[in-house]
Protein backbone atom coordinates (compact mmCIF):
# COMPACT_ATOMS: atom_id res chain seq x y z
CA UNK A 1 15.69 -5.12 -5.12
CA UNK A 2 18.45 -4.13 -2.71
CA UNK A 3 18.62 -0.63 -4.18
CA UNK A 4 14.86 -0.13 -3.69
CA UNK A 5 15.17 -1.39 -0.12
CA UNK A 6 18.00 1.03 0.60
CA UNK A 7 16.14 3.94 -0.99
CA UNK A 8 12.70 3.32 0.49
CA UNK A 9 13.20 1.01 3.48
CA UNK A 10 13.32 3.84 6.01
CA UNK A 11 10.29 5.51 4.44
CA UNK A 12 8.36 2.24 4.53
CA UNK A 13 9.26 1.71 8.19
CA UNK A 14 8.07 5.21 9.12
CA UNK A 15 4.85 4.73 7.11
CA UNK A 16 4.07 1.48 8.94
CA UNK A 17 4.90 3.04 12.30
CA UNK A 18 2.73 6.11 11.62
CA UNK A 19 -0.13 3.89 10.46
CA UNK A 20 0.00 1.78 13.62
CA UNK A 21 0.15 4.85 15.86
CA UNK A 22 -2.69 6.43 13.89
CA UNK A 23 -4.76 3.29 14.31
CA UNK A 24 -4.10 3.33 18.04
CA UNK A 25 -5.15 7.00 18.18
CA UNK A 26 -8.34 6.14 16.34
CA UNK A 27 -9.16 3.34 18.80
CA UNK A 28 -8.48 5.40 21.96
CA UNK A 29 -11.88 6.96 22.47
CA UNK A 30 -12.05 9.62 25.19
CA UNK A 31 -8.47 9.03 26.29
CA UNK A 32 -6.04 11.84 27.12
CA UNK A 33 -3.38 10.01 25.10
CA UNK A 34 -5.38 10.23 21.89
CA UNK A 35 -4.07 13.65 20.86
CA UNK A 36 -0.50 12.70 21.70
CA UNK A 37 -0.82 9.75 19.30
CA UNK A 38 -2.35 11.98 16.64
CA UNK A 39 0.63 14.32 17.07
CA UNK A 40 3.02 11.41 16.70
CA UNK A 41 1.24 10.37 13.51
CA UNK A 42 1.68 13.85 12.05
CA UNK A 43 5.32 13.82 13.15
CA UNK A 44 5.77 10.61 11.16
CA UNK A 45 4.24 12.23 8.08
CA UNK A 46 6.52 15.25 8.48
CA UNK A 47 9.50 12.92 8.89
CA UNK A 48 8.69 11.26 5.57
CA UNK A 49 8.39 14.69 3.92
CA UNK A 50 11.75 15.64 5.45
CA UNK A 51 13.40 12.48 4.14
CA UNK A 52 12.20 13.20 0.61
CA UNK A 53 13.26 16.86 0.86
CA UNK A 54 16.76 15.89 2.05
CA UNK A 55 17.04 13.30 -0.72
CA UNK A 56 16.04 15.89 -3.33
CA UNK A 57 18.52 18.42 -1.90
CA UNK A 58 21.40 15.95 -1.89
CA UNK A 59 20.63 14.82 -5.45
CA UNK A 60 20.58 18.46 -6.60
CA UNK A 61 23.92 19.13 -4.91
CA UNK A 62 25.48 16.00 -6.45
CA UNK A 63 24.19 16.96 -9.89
CA UNK A 64 25.63 20.47 -9.58
CA UNK A 65 28.97 19.10 -8.40
CA UNK A 66 29.20 16.63 -11.28
CA UNK A 67 28.34 19.35 -13.81
CA UNK A 68 31.02 21.59 -12.33
CA UNK A 69 33.61 18.80 -12.59
CA UNK A 70 32.79 18.24 -16.26
CA UNK A 71 33.37 21.87 -17.23
CA UNK A 72 36.84 22.44 -18.74
């Protein structure tokens, strides 16, 4: 449980934040702040994509390093 929290806790927090901001953007009819909130929602989605990309990159680098250590 702790491992899942450490791996996905930040992602879950950003998802909840983006959902709340998206809901606020949806409710702000004819407000100049609406598009700023939509932009923040997309920034949250891009942040999640960035987190997964960085995680994949680091795992690939660790795998390559461990394979290089195991070679005689």
